[in-house]
């Protein structure tokens, strides 16, 4: 079974100082011990990049892009990368238009596809 993890899991997994890191590692180990495989998609990586490389003064982690890329490559070894289906963007745009979604309401759960 594959388990899609939230971007916050990735943020905390990669931060040695985060108090949530150890519980997250324990959950990821439990998933793996039961035959599961943690997964990420492109959106997770885009969100992670945005927070990790945003300045500390703007509620980011202030990481330099080249250095963070190396860190990210090491982190992603432990996750399957799930490719977005080709129709994802078109479906999302159609739903946003049809239901007149605006602002934060446009964050579509994958279960809608």
C-alpha atoms as a PDB file:
ATOM      1  CA  UNK A   1       0.000   0.000   0.000  1.00  0.00           C
ATOM      2  CA  UNK A   2       1.258   3.455  -0.877  1.00  0.00           C
ATOM      3  CA  UNK A   3       0.665   6.335   1.541  1.00  0.00           C
ATOM      4  CA  UNK A   4       0.756   9.913   0.242  1.00  0.00           C
ATOM      5  CA  UNK A   5       2.384  12.077   2.902  1.00  0.00           C
ATOM      6  CA  UNK A   6       1.605  15.702   3.576  1.00  0.00           C
ATOM      7  CA  UNK A   7       4.191  18.396   2.888  1.00  0.00           C
ATOM      8  CA  UNK A   8       4.375  19.123   6.626  1.00  0.00           C
ATOM      9  CA  UNK A   9       5.700  15.590   7.144  1.00  0.00           C
ATOM     10  CA  UNK A  10       8.525  16.357   4.726  1.00  0.00           C
ATOM     11  CA  UNK A  11       9.261  19.701   6.398  1.00  0.00           C
ATOM     12  CA  UNK A  12       9.547  18.151   9.831  1.00  0.00           C
ATOM     13  CA  UNK A  13      11.332  15.011   8.620  1.00  0.00           C
ATOM     14  CA  UNK A  14      14.135  17.170   7.279  1.00  0.00           C
ATOM     15  CA  UNK A  15      14.454  19.453  10.307  1.00  0.00           C
ATOM     16  CA  UNK A  16      16.682  18.049  13.070  1.00  0.00           C
ATOM     17  CA  UNK A  17      15.449  20.735  15.510  1.00  0.00           C
ATOM     18  CA  UNK A  18      11.735  20.077  14.981  1.00  0.00           C
ATOM     19  CA  UNK A  19      10.159  18.325  18.000  1.00  0.00           C
ATOM     20  CA  UNK A  20       7.755  16.496  15.665  1.00  0.00           C
ATOM     21  CA  UNK A  21      10.638  14.866  13.741  1.00  0.00           C
ATOM     22  CA  UNK A  22      10.982  11.765  15.938  1.00  0.00           C
ATOM     23  CA  UNK A  23       7.242  10.946  15.989  1.00  0.00           C
ATOM     24  CA  UNK A  24       7.143  11.399  12.217  1.00  0.00           C
ATOM     25  CA  UNK A  25      10.094   9.061  11.747  1.00  0.00           C
ATOM     26  CA  UNK A  26       8.336   6.509  13.973  1.00  0.00           C
ATOM     27  CA  UNK A  27       5.170   6.675  11.859  1.00  0.00           C
ATOM     28  CA  UNK A  28       7.135   6.350   8.613  1.00  0.00           C
ATOM     29  CA  UNK A  29       8.938   3.324  10.059  1.00  0.00           C
ATOM     30  CA  UNK A  30       5.609   1.792  11.075  1.00  0.00           C
ATOM     31  CA  UNK A  31       4.265   2.309   7.541  1.00  0.00           C
ATOM     32  CA  UNK A  32       7.333   0.593   6.094  1.00  0.00           C
ATOM     33  CA  UNK A  33       7.184  -2.274   8.623  1.00  0.00           C
ATOM     34  CA  UNK A  34       3.649  -3.113   7.504  1.00  0.00           C
ATOM     35  CA  UNK A  35       4.634  -3.223   3.852  1.00  0.00           C
ATOM     36  CA  UNK A  36       3.584   0.328   3.093  1.00  0.00           C
ATOM     37  CA  UNK A  37       5.545   2.801   1.033  1.00  0.00           C
ATOM     38  CA  UNK A  38       5.435   6.551   1.766  1.00  0.00           C
ATOM     39  CA  UNK A  39       4.890   8.619  -1.374  1.00  0.00           C
ATOM     40  CA  UNK A  40       5.102  12.236  -2.465  1.00  0.00           C
ATOM     41  CA  UNK A  41       3.870  14.045  -5.539  1.00  0.00           C
ATOM     42  CA  UNK A  42       5.149  17.097  -7.385  1.00  0.00           C
ATOM     43  CA  UNK A  43       2.891  19.408  -5.374  1.00  0.00           C
ATOM     44  CA  UNK A  44       4.537  18.236  -2.121  1.00  0.00           C
ATOM     45  CA  UNK A  45       7.966  19.050  -3.511  1.00  0.00           C
ATOM     46  CA  UNK A  46       6.891  22.474  -4.810  1.00  0.00           C
ATOM     47  CA  UNK A  47       5.392  23.377  -1.410  1.00  0.00           C
ATOM     48  CA  UNK A  48       8.436  22.055   0.440  1.00  0.00           C
ATOM     49  CA  UNK A  49      10.799  24.042  -1.798  1.00  0.00           C
ATOM     50  CA  UNK A  50       8.791  27.231  -1.256  1.00  0.00           C
ATOM     51  CA  UNK A  51       8.942  26.979   2.546  1.00  0.00           C
ATOM     52  CA  UNK A  52      12.507  25.689   2.788  1.00  0.00           C
ATOM     53  CA  UNK A  53      13.979  28.424   0.583  1.00  0.00           C
ATOM     54  CA  UNK A  54      11.799  31.283   1.840  1.00  0.00           C
ATOM     55  CA  UNK A  55      13.649  33.699   4.175  1.00  0.00           C
ATOM     56  CA  UNK A  56      13.379  33.181   7.935  1.00  0.00           C
ATOM     57  CA  UNK A  57      11.834  36.643   8.191  1.00  0.00           C
ATOM     58  CA  UNK A  58       8.966  35.433   5.979  1.00  0.00           C
ATOM     59  CA  UNK A  59       8.222  32.283   8.033  1.00  0.00           C
ATOM     60  CA  UNK A  60      10.507  30.111   5.930  1.00  0.00           C
ATOM     61  CA  UNK A  61      13.597  28.061   6.652  1.00  0.00           C
ATOM     62  CA  UNK A  62      16.035  30.331   4.809  1.00  0.00           C
ATOM     63  CA  UNK A  63      17.874  27.528   3.005  1.00  0.00           C
ATOM     64  CA  UNK A  64      20.048  28.279  -0.007  1.00  0.00           C
ATOM     65  CA  UNK A  65      18.580  26.601  -3.132  1.00  0.00           C
ATOM     66  CA  UNK A  66      21.687  24.663  -4.245  1.00  0.00           C
ATOM     67  CA  UNK A  67      22.289  23.294  -0.752  1.00  0.00           C
ATOM     68  CA  UNK A  68      18.617  22.519  -0.256  1.00  0.00           C
ATOM     69  CA  UNK A  69      18.535  20.609  -3.544  1.00  0.00           C
ATOM     70  CA  UNK A  70      21.195  18.254  -2.183  1.00  0.00           C
ATOM     71  CA  UNK A  71      19.236  17.841   1.056  1.00  0.00           C
ATOM     72  CA  UNK A  72      16.026  17.233  -0.892  1.00  0.00           C
ATOM     73  CA  UNK A  73      17.651  14.592  -3.103  1.00  0.00           C
ATOM     74  CA  UNK A  74      18.749  12.694   0.034  1.00  0.00           C
ATOM     75  CA  UNK A  75      15.308  13.036   1.617  1.00  0.00           C
ATOM     76  CA  UNK A  76      13.435  11.801  -1.453  1.00  0.00           C
ATOM     77  CA  UNK A  77      15.347   8.508  -1.531  1.00  0.00           C
ATOM     78  CA  UNK A  78      12.962   7.277   1.181  1.00  0.00           C
ATOM     79  CA  UNK A  79       9.797   8.082  -0.791  1.00  0.00           C
ATOM     80  CA  UNK A  80       8.130   6.922  -3.988  1.00  0.00           C
ATOM     81  CA  UNK A  81       7.378   9.772  -6.370  1.00  0.00           C
ATOM     82  CA  UNK A  82       3.803   9.603  -7.660  1.00  0.00           C
ATOM     83  CA  UNK A  83       3.366  11.254 -11.037  1.00  0.00           C
ATOM     84  CA  UNK A  84       0.343  13.465 -11.490  1.00  0.00           C
ATOM     85  CA  UNK A  85      -2.133  12.113 -14.027  1.00  0.00           C
ATOM     86  CA  UNK A  86      -2.042  14.122 -17.275  1.00  0.00           C
ATOM     87  CA  UNK A  87      -5.630  15.306 -16.805  1.00  0.00           C
ATOM     88  CA  UNK A  88      -5.092  16.659 -13.279  1.00  0.00           C
ATOM     89  CA  UNK A  89      -4.727  20.335 -14.216  1.00  0.00           C
ATOM     90  CA  UNK A  90      -7.634  20.297 -16.651  1.00  0.00           C
ATOM     91  CA  UNK A  91      -9.884  18.553 -14.122  1.00  0.00           C
ATOM     92  CA  UNK A  92      -8.897  21.007 -11.386  1.00  0.00           C
ATOM     93  CA  UNK A  93      -9.553  24.017 -13.634  1.00  0.00           C
ATOM     94  CA  UNK A  94     -12.923  22.616 -14.712  1.00  0.00           C
ATOM     95  CA  UNK A  95     -13.986  22.038 -11.087  1.00  0.00           C
ATOM     96  CA  UNK A  96     -12.827  25.489  -9.975  1.00  0.00           C
ATOM     97  CA  UNK A  97     -14.723  27.087 -12.823  1.00  0.00           C
ATOM     98  CA  UNK A  98     -17.883  24.983 -12.458  1.00  0.00           C
ATOM     99  CA  UNK A  99     -18.154  25.463  -8.687  1.00  0.00           C
ATOM    100  CA  UNK A 100     -16.708  28.993  -8.676  1.00  0.00           C
ATOM    101  CA  UNK A 101     -13.936  28.145  -6.207  1.00  0.00           C
ATOM    102  CA  UNK A 102     -11.788  31.106  -5.222  1.00  0.00           C
ATOM    103  CA  UNK A 103      -8.868  31.679  -2.859  1.00  0.00           C
ATOM    104  CA  UNK A 104      -7.832  28.895  -0.477  1.00  0.00           C
ATOM    105  CA  UNK A 105     -10.887  26.827  -1.419  1.00  0.00           C
ATOM    106  CA  UNK A 106      -9.052  25.955  -4.654  1.00  0.00           C
ATOM    107  CA  UNK A 107      -6.844  23.420  -2.861  1.00  0.00           C
ATOM    108  CA  UNK A 108      -8.418  20.255  -4.232  1.00  0.00           C
ATOM    109  CA  UNK A 109      -8.180  16.951  -2.391  1.00  0.00           C
ATOM    110  CA  UNK A 110      -6.878  14.111  -4.564  1.00  0.00           C
ATOM    111  CA  UNK A 111      -9.979  12.114  -3.656  1.00  0.00           C
ATOM    112  CA  UNK A 112     -11.998  14.335  -6.006  1.00  0.00           C
ATOM    113  CA  UNK A 113     -10.260  12.917  -9.075  1.00  0.00           C
END
